[in-house]
C-alpha atoms as a PDB file:
ATOM      1  CA  MET A   1       0.133   0.043  -0.263  1.00  0.00           C
ATOM      2  CA  SER A   2       1.545   3.381  -0.999  1.00  0.00           C
ATOM      3  CA  ILE A   3       1.808   5.798   1.414  1.00  0.00           C
ATOM      4  CA  ASP A   4      -1.066   8.313   0.365  1.00  0.00           C
ATOM      5  CA  ARG A   5      -3.315   5.288   0.017  1.00  0.00           C
ATOM      6  CA  GLN A   6      -2.123   4.762   3.773  1.00  0.00           C
ATOM      7  CA  ARG A   7      -2.652   8.306   5.052  1.00  0.00           C
ATOM      8  CA  GLU A   8      -6.363   8.475   2.931  1.00  0.00           C
ATOM      9  CA  HIS A   9      -7.524   4.880   4.435  1.00  0.00           C
ATOM     10  CA  GLU A  10      -6.431   6.128   8.011  1.00  0.00           C
ATOM     11  CA  THR A  11      -8.395   9.508   7.341  1.00  0.00           C
ATOM     12  CA  GLU A  12     -11.131   7.570   6.682  1.00  0.00           C
ATOM     13  CA  ALA A  13     -10.840   5.252   9.580  1.00  0.00           C
ATOM     14  CA  ASP A  14     -10.436   8.830  11.790  1.00  0.00           C
ATOM     15  CA  ASP A  15     -14.102   9.854  10.522  1.00  0.00           C
ATOM     16  CA  ASP A  16     -15.795   6.696  10.786  1.00  0.00           C
ATOM     17  CA  ARG A  17     -14.321   6.592  14.425  1.00  0.00           C
ATOM     18  CA  ALA A  18     -15.872  10.255  15.050  1.00  0.00           C
ATOM     19  CA  ASP A  19     -19.082   9.277  13.213  1.00  0.00           C
ATOM     20  CA  ALA A  20     -19.512   6.281  15.439  1.00  0.00           C
ATOM     21  CA  GLU A  21     -18.975   8.468  18.659  1.00  0.00           C
ATOM     22  CA  LEU A  22     -21.469  10.486  17.566  1.00  0.00           C
ATOM     23  CA  LEU A  23     -24.024   8.354  16.684  1.00  0.00           C
ATOM     24  CA  GLY A  24     -23.114   6.892  20.233  1.00  0.00           C
ATOM     25  CA  ARG A  25     -24.212  10.332  21.640  1.00  0.00           C
ATOM     26  CA  ILE A  26     -27.327  10.023  19.420  1.00  0.00           C
ATOM     27  CA  ARG A  27     -28.941   6.968  20.882  1.00  0.00           C
ATOM     28  CA  ASP A  28     -28.410   8.515  24.048  1.00  0.00           C
ATOM     29  CA  ALA A  29     -30.703  11.509  23.102  1.00  0.00           C
ATOM     30  CA  ASP A  30     -27.847  14.036  22.327  1.00  0.00           C
ATOM     31  CA  ARG A  31     -29.131  16.605  20.055  1.00  0.00           C
ATOM     32  CA  GLU A  32     -25.909  18.431  20.156  1.00  0.00           C
ATOM     33  CA  ALA A  33     -24.588  15.179  18.211  1.00  0.00           C
ATOM     34  CA  LEU A  34     -27.112  14.721  15.651  1.00  0.00           C
ATOM     35  CA  HIS A  35     -26.903  19.112  14.570  1.00  0.00           C
ATOM     36  CA  ALA A  36     -22.900  17.783  13.717  1.00  0.00           C
ATOM     37  CA  LEU A  37     -24.049  14.805  11.981  1.00  0.00           C
ATOM     38  CA  TYR A  38     -26.444  16.584  10.150  1.00  0.00           C
ATOM     39  CA  ARG A  39     -24.198  19.290   9.246  1.00  0.00           C
ATOM     40  CA  LYS A  40     -21.605  16.975   7.856  1.00  0.00           C
ATOM     41  CA  TYR A  41     -23.562  15.046   5.749  1.00  0.00           C
ATOM     42  CA  TYR A  42     -26.362  17.678   4.920  1.00  0.00           C
ATOM     43  CA  HIS A  43     -24.691  18.294   1.437  1.00  0.00           C
ATOM     44  CA  PRO A  44     -23.409  15.288   0.010  1.00  0.00           C
ATOM     45  CA  LEU A  45     -26.904  13.512   1.154  1.00  0.00           C
ATOM     46  CA  LEU A  46     -28.391  16.746  -0.542  1.00  0.00           C
ATOM     47  CA  ARG A  47     -26.579  15.889  -3.832  1.00  0.00           C
ATOM     48  CA  PHE A  48     -26.987  11.966  -3.529  1.00  0.00           C
ATOM     49  CA  THR A  49     -30.820  12.121  -3.037  1.00  0.00           C
ATOM     50  CA  TYR A  50     -31.081  14.775  -5.878  1.00  0.00           C
ATOM     51  CA  ARG A  51     -29.476  12.769  -8.666  1.00  0.00           C
ATOM     52  CA  LEU A  52     -31.466  10.138  -7.606  1.00  0.00           C
ATOM     53  CA  THR A  53     -35.033  12.126  -7.318  1.00  0.00           C
ATOM     54  CA  GLY A  54     -34.321  14.688  -9.940  1.00  0.00           C
ATOM     55  CA  GLN A  55     -36.096  17.288  -7.675  1.00  0.00           C
ATOM     56  CA  LEU A  56     -34.546  19.744  -4.941  1.00  0.00           C
ATOM     57  CA  GLU A  57     -37.715  19.748  -3.037  1.00  0.00           C
ATOM     58  CA  ILE A  58     -37.832  16.157  -2.980  1.00  0.00           C
ATOM     59  CA  ALA A  59     -33.905  15.324  -1.779  1.00  0.00           C
ATOM     60  CA  GLN A  60     -34.301  17.889   0.810  1.00  0.00           C
ATOM     61  CA  GLU A  61     -37.693  16.202   2.299  1.00  0.00           C
ATOM     62  CA  THR A  62     -35.429  12.811   1.868  1.00  0.00           C
ATOM     63  CA  VAL A  63     -32.689  14.235   3.656  1.00  0.00           C
ATOM     64  CA  ASN A  64     -34.498  15.080   6.418  1.00  0.00           C
ATOM     65  CA  ASP A  65     -36.414  11.445   6.134  1.00  0.00           C
ATOM     66  CA  VAL A  66     -32.701  10.404   6.704  1.00  0.00           C
ATOM     67  CA  MET A  67     -31.840  12.359   9.523  1.00  0.00           C
ATOM     68  CA  LEU A  68     -35.129  11.426  11.077  1.00  0.00           C
ATOM     69  CA  VAL A  69     -34.416   7.582  11.101  1.00  0.00           C
ATOM     70  CA  VAL A  70     -30.741   8.634  12.319  1.00  0.00           C
ATOM     71  CA  TRP A  71     -31.832   9.471  15.235  1.00  0.00           C
ATOM     72  CA  ARG A  72     -34.900   7.036  15.527  1.00  0.00           C
ATOM     73  CA  ASP A  73     -32.590   4.412  15.121  1.00  0.00           C
ATOM     74  CA  ALA A  74     -29.379   4.949  16.159  1.00  0.00           C
ATOM     75  CA  ALA A  75     -29.417   2.313  18.417  1.00  0.00           C
ATOM     76  CA  SER A  76     -30.083  -0.600  15.834  1.00  0.00           C
ATOM     77  CA  PHE A  77     -25.959  -0.094  14.053  1.00  0.00           C
ATOM     78  CA  GLU A  78     -24.743  -2.670  14.511  1.00  0.00           C
ATOM     79  CA  GLY A  79     -20.842  -1.612  13.185  1.00  0.00           C
ATOM     80  CA  ARG A  80     -20.865  -4.048  10.331  1.00  0.00           C
ATOM     81  CA  SER A  81     -20.077  -1.367   8.223  1.00  0.00           C
ATOM     82  CA  LYS A  82     -19.024   2.087   8.042  1.00  0.00           C
ATOM     83  CA  VAL A  83     -21.326   4.563   9.879  1.00  0.00           C
ATOM     84  CA  ALA A  84     -21.280   6.702   6.382  1.00  0.00           C
ATOM     85  CA  THR A  85     -22.388   3.425   4.221  1.00  0.00           C
ATOM     86  CA  TRP A  86     -25.155   2.887   7.123  1.00  0.00           C
ATOM     87  CA  ILE A  87     -25.890   6.468   6.351  1.00  0.00           C
ATOM     88  CA  MET A  88     -25.763   6.533   2.911  1.00  0.00           C
ATOM     89  CA  GLY A  89     -27.849   2.661   2.542  1.00  0.00           C
ATOM     90  CA  ILE A  90     -30.903   4.955   4.625  1.00  0.00           C
ATOM     91  CA  ALA A  91     -30.646   7.737   1.801  1.00  0.00           C
ATOM     92  CA  TYR A  92     -31.025   5.190  -0.783  1.00  0.00           C
ATOM     93  CA  ARG A  93     -33.907   3.185   0.668  1.00  0.00           C
ATOM     94  CA  LYS A  94     -35.896   6.718   1.132  1.00  0.00           C
ATOM     95  CA  ALA A  95     -34.455   8.018  -2.178  1.00  0.00           C
ATOM     96  CA  MET A  96     -35.996   5.300  -4.413  1.00  0.00           C
ATOM     97  CA  LYS A  97     -39.146   4.997  -2.498  1.00  0.00           C
ATOM     98  CA  ARG A  98     -40.097   8.283  -3.372  1.00  0.00           C
ATOM     99  CA  VAL A  99     -38.642   7.559  -6.975  1.00  0.00           C
ATOM    100  CA  ARG A 100     -40.945   4.663  -7.390  1.00  0.00           C
ATOM    101  CA  ARG A 101     -43.944   6.606  -5.676  1.00  0.00           C
ATOM    102  CA  ALA A 102     -43.508   9.581  -7.841  1.00  0.00           C
ATOM    103  CA  ARG A 103     -43.738   7.046 -11.484  1.00  0.00           C
ATOM    104  CA  LEU A 104     -47.018   6.914 -10.307  1.00  0.00           C
ATOM    105  CA  TRP A 105     -47.998  10.272 -10.695  1.00  0.00           C
ATOM    106  CA  SER A 106     -48.639  12.341 -13.806  1.00  0.00           C
ATOM    107  CA  VAL A 107     -46.172  14.001 -15.242  1.00  0.00           C
ATOM    108  CA  ARG A 108     -47.351  17.491 -14.730  1.00  0.00           C
ATOM    109  CA  TYR A 109     -46.567  17.111 -11.203  1.00  0.00           C
ATOM    110  CA  ILE A 110     -43.050  16.871 -11.582  1.00  0.00           C
ATOM    111  CA  THR A 111     -40.626  19.996 -11.611  1.00  0.00           C
ATOM    112  CA  PRO A 112     -38.771  21.165 -14.457  1.00  0.00           C
ATOM    113  CA  ILE A 113     -35.405  19.282 -14.344  1.00  0.00           C
ATOM    114  CA  ASP A 114     -33.838  22.641 -14.843  1.00  0.00           C
ATOM    115  CA  GLU A 115     -33.799  23.435 -10.720  1.00  0.00           C
ATOM    116  CA  ARG A 116     -30.468  22.996  -9.631  1.00  0.00           C
ATOM    117  CA  ILE A 117     -28.471  22.743  -6.473  1.00  0.00           C
ATOM    118  CA  GLU A 118     -26.453  25.692  -6.401  1.00  0.00           C
ATOM    119  CA  ARG A 119     -22.867  25.129  -7.137  1.00  0.00           C
ATOM    120  CA  PHE A 120     -21.564  28.269  -8.024  1.00  0.00           C
ATOM    121  CA  PRO A 121     -22.508  32.143  -7.094  1.00  0.00           C
ATOM    122  CA  SER A 122     -25.544  33.301  -9.711  1.00  0.00           C
ATOM    123  CA  GLU A 123     -22.629  36.304 -10.785  1.00  0.00           C
ATOM    124  CA  GLU A 124     -20.009  33.993 -11.880  1.00  0.00           C
ATOM    125  CA  ALA A 125     -19.754  33.618 -15.392  1.00  0.00           C
ATOM    126  CA  PRO A 126     -19.698  30.373 -17.144  1.00  0.00           C
ATOM    127  CA  THR A 127     -16.530  28.466 -17.414  1.00  0.00           C
ATOM    128  CA  GLU A 128     -16.030  25.558 -19.604  1.00  0.00           C
ATOM    129  CA  ARG A 129     -15.746  23.418 -15.818  1.00  0.00           C
ATOM    130  CA  VAL A 130     -19.525  24.949 -15.506  1.00  0.00           C
ATOM    131  CA  GLU A 131     -20.412  23.640 -18.678  1.00  0.00           C
ATOM    132  CA  LEU A 132     -18.823  20.485 -18.447  1.00  0.00           C
ATOM    133  CA  GLU A 133     -20.896  19.653 -14.771  1.00  0.00           C
ATOM    134  CA  ASP A 134     -23.968  20.742 -17.077  1.00  0.00           C
ATOM    135  CA  LEU A 135     -23.133  18.623 -19.522  1.00  0.00           C
ATOM    136  CA  LEU A 136     -22.605  15.855 -17.016  1.00  0.00           C
ATOM    137  CA  ASP A 137     -25.472  16.535 -15.593  1.00  0.00           C
ATOM    138  CA  ARG A 138     -27.805  16.186 -18.544  1.00  0.00           C
ATOM    139  CA  ALA A 139     -26.015  12.676 -19.471  1.00  0.00           C
ATOM    140  CA  LEU A 140     -26.490  11.459 -15.730  1.00  0.00           C
ATOM    141  CA  GLU A 141     -30.374  12.240 -15.730  1.00  0.00           C
ATOM    142  CA  ALA A 142     -30.744   9.530 -18.832  1.00  0.00           C
ATOM    143  CA  LEU A 143     -29.674   6.804 -16.712  1.00  0.00           C
ATOM    144  CA  SER A 144     -31.941   5.256 -14.227  1.00  0.00           C
ATOM    145  CA  ALA A 145     -32.206   6.152 -10.946  1.00  0.00           C
ATOM    146  CA  GLU A 146     -30.394   2.511 -10.057  1.00  0.00           C
ATOM    147  CA  GLN A 147     -27.347   3.728 -12.801  1.00  0.00           C
ATOM    148  CA  ARG A 148     -26.790   6.926 -11.045  1.00  0.00           C
ATOM    149  CA  ALA A 149     -26.961   5.740  -7.879  1.00  0.00           C
ATOM    150  CA  VAL A 150     -23.742   3.707  -8.672  1.00  0.00           C
ATOM    151  CA  VAL A 151     -22.169   6.445 -10.592  1.00  0.00           C
ATOM    152  CA  GLU A 152     -22.610   8.677  -7.666  1.00  0.00           C
ATOM    153  CA  LEU A 153     -21.479   6.417  -5.320  1.00  0.00           C
ATOM    154  CA  THR A 154     -18.069   5.318  -7.040  1.00  0.00           C
ATOM    155  CA  TYR A 155     -16.849   8.912  -8.849  1.00  0.00           C
ATOM    156  CA  PHE A 156     -18.242  11.245  -6.606  1.00  0.00           C
ATOM    157  CA  PHE A 157     -18.308   9.485  -2.992  1.00  0.00           C
ATOM    158  CA  GLY A 158     -15.338   6.920  -3.442  1.00  0.00           C
ATOM    159  CA  CYS A 159     -17.189   3.552  -2.165  1.00  0.00           C
ATOM    160  CA  SER A 160     -16.084   0.606  -3.448  1.00  0.00           C
ATOM    161  CA  TYR A 161     -18.445  -1.747  -5.000  1.00  0.00           C
ATOM    162  CA  ASP A 162     -18.798  -3.645  -1.698  1.00  0.00           C
ATOM    163  CA  GLU A 163     -20.318  -0.822   0.252  1.00  0.00           C
ATOM    164  CA  ILE A 164     -22.313   0.401  -3.267  1.00  0.00           C
ATOM    165  CA  ALA A 165     -24.144  -3.107  -2.580  1.00  0.00           C
ATOM    166  CA  LYS A 166     -24.503  -2.620   1.311  1.00  0.00           C
ATOM    167  CA  ILE A 167     -25.940   0.932   0.240  1.00  0.00           C
ATOM    168  CA  VAL A 168     -28.459  -0.575  -2.438  1.00  0.00           C
ATOM    169  CA  GLY A 169     -29.025  -4.005  -0.675  1.00  0.00           C
ATOM    170  CA  CYS A 170     -27.884  -5.925  -3.934  1.00  0.00           C
ATOM    171  CA  PRO A 171     -25.117  -8.246  -4.352  1.00  0.00           C
ATOM    172  CA  VAL A 172     -21.670  -6.960  -5.862  1.00  0.00           C
ATOM    173  CA  ASN A 173     -22.222  -8.202  -9.190  1.00  0.00           C
ATOM    174  CA  THR A 174     -25.550  -6.685  -9.546  1.00  0.00           C
ATOM    175  CA  VAL A 175     -23.596  -3.048  -9.059  1.00  0.00           C
ATOM    176  CA  LYS A 176     -20.869  -4.259 -11.435  1.00  0.00           C
ATOM    177  CA  THR A 177     -23.422  -4.977 -13.981  1.00  0.00           C
ATOM    178  CA  ARG A 178     -25.365  -1.506 -13.333  1.00  0.00           C
ATOM    179  CA  MET A 179     -21.742   0.399 -13.664  1.00  0.00           C
ATOM    180  CA  PHE A 180     -21.197  -1.411 -17.044  1.00  0.00           C
ATOM    181  CA  HIS A 181     -24.934  -0.491 -18.669  1.00  0.00           C
ATOM    182  CA  ALA A 182     -24.566   3.289 -16.833  1.00  0.00           C
ATOM    183  CA  ARG A 183     -20.870   3.621 -18.271  1.00  0.00           C
ATOM    184  CA  ALA A 184     -21.638   2.346 -22.325  1.00  0.00           C
ATOM    185  CA  LYS A 185     -25.141   4.627 -21.960  1.00  0.00           C
ATOM    186  CA  LEU A 186     -22.449   7.659 -20.750  1.00  0.00           C
ATOM    187  CA  LYS A 187     -20.109   7.224 -23.526  1.00  0.00           C
ATOM    188  CA  SER A 188     -22.388   7.263 -26.022  1.00  0.00           C
ATOM    189  CA  LEU A 189     -24.541   9.934 -24.738  1.00  0.00           C
ATOM    190  CA  LEU A 190     -21.547  12.577 -23.768  1.00  0.00           C
ATOM    191  CA  PRO A 191     -20.502  13.002 -27.454  1.00  0.00           C
ATOM    192  CA  ARG A 192     -24.371  13.292 -28.488  1.00  0.00           C
ATOM    193  CA  LEU A 193     -25.050  16.198 -25.893  1.00  0.00           C
ATOM    194  CA  GLY A 194     -21.918  17.401 -26.721  1.00  0.00           C
ATOM    195  CA  LYS A 195     -22.841  18.403 -30.724  1.00  0.00           C
ATOM    196  CA  ASP A 196     -26.285  19.433 -29.208  1.00  0.00           C
ATOM    197  CA  SER A 197     -24.911  21.925 -26.865  1.00  0.00           C
ATOM    198  CA  SER A 198     -22.194  23.484 -29.208  1.00  0.00           C
ATOM    199  CA  LYS A 199     -25.437  24.790 -31.349  1.00  0.00           C
END
């Protein structure tokens, strides 16, 4: 193992210990510990649930639902995975439940996909990076929610396939298959989207 990888591994272990300590305090009904965990996970959870649901308001509600479960069920955490994996698993299940529910409703109830999470100040002129991220957003929207989850967890959260399998509740081979199909779809979509945006 390289020195950089070892340091990264140690940092992850320290983070998990800190999270486990907060969770222990939450079990004892410590609201300050819940607020600390909420502050740490709010933006990662919001990004993840927004990618799955496609709606900012629903993503925000989902994050609140997740933290309510953490508050209520902290004692059920058995330490068989990292705390982050456990929390992301709750987020995945909550978000997918909302996605399935949304499919039952008419399209007229769905807010426009243009609604974005603010990543840059509004006065900032578009840059190549912003345009590239917008292009990637449009490509990810074309994936199924299950495929988007695998891509997000791999590339934006640095989860291993084993961790993703625990989060989404499926075999590792299913995770690999979803990633294979997601990559193939992104590979075909990105060049076309680039041409469309250049027009």
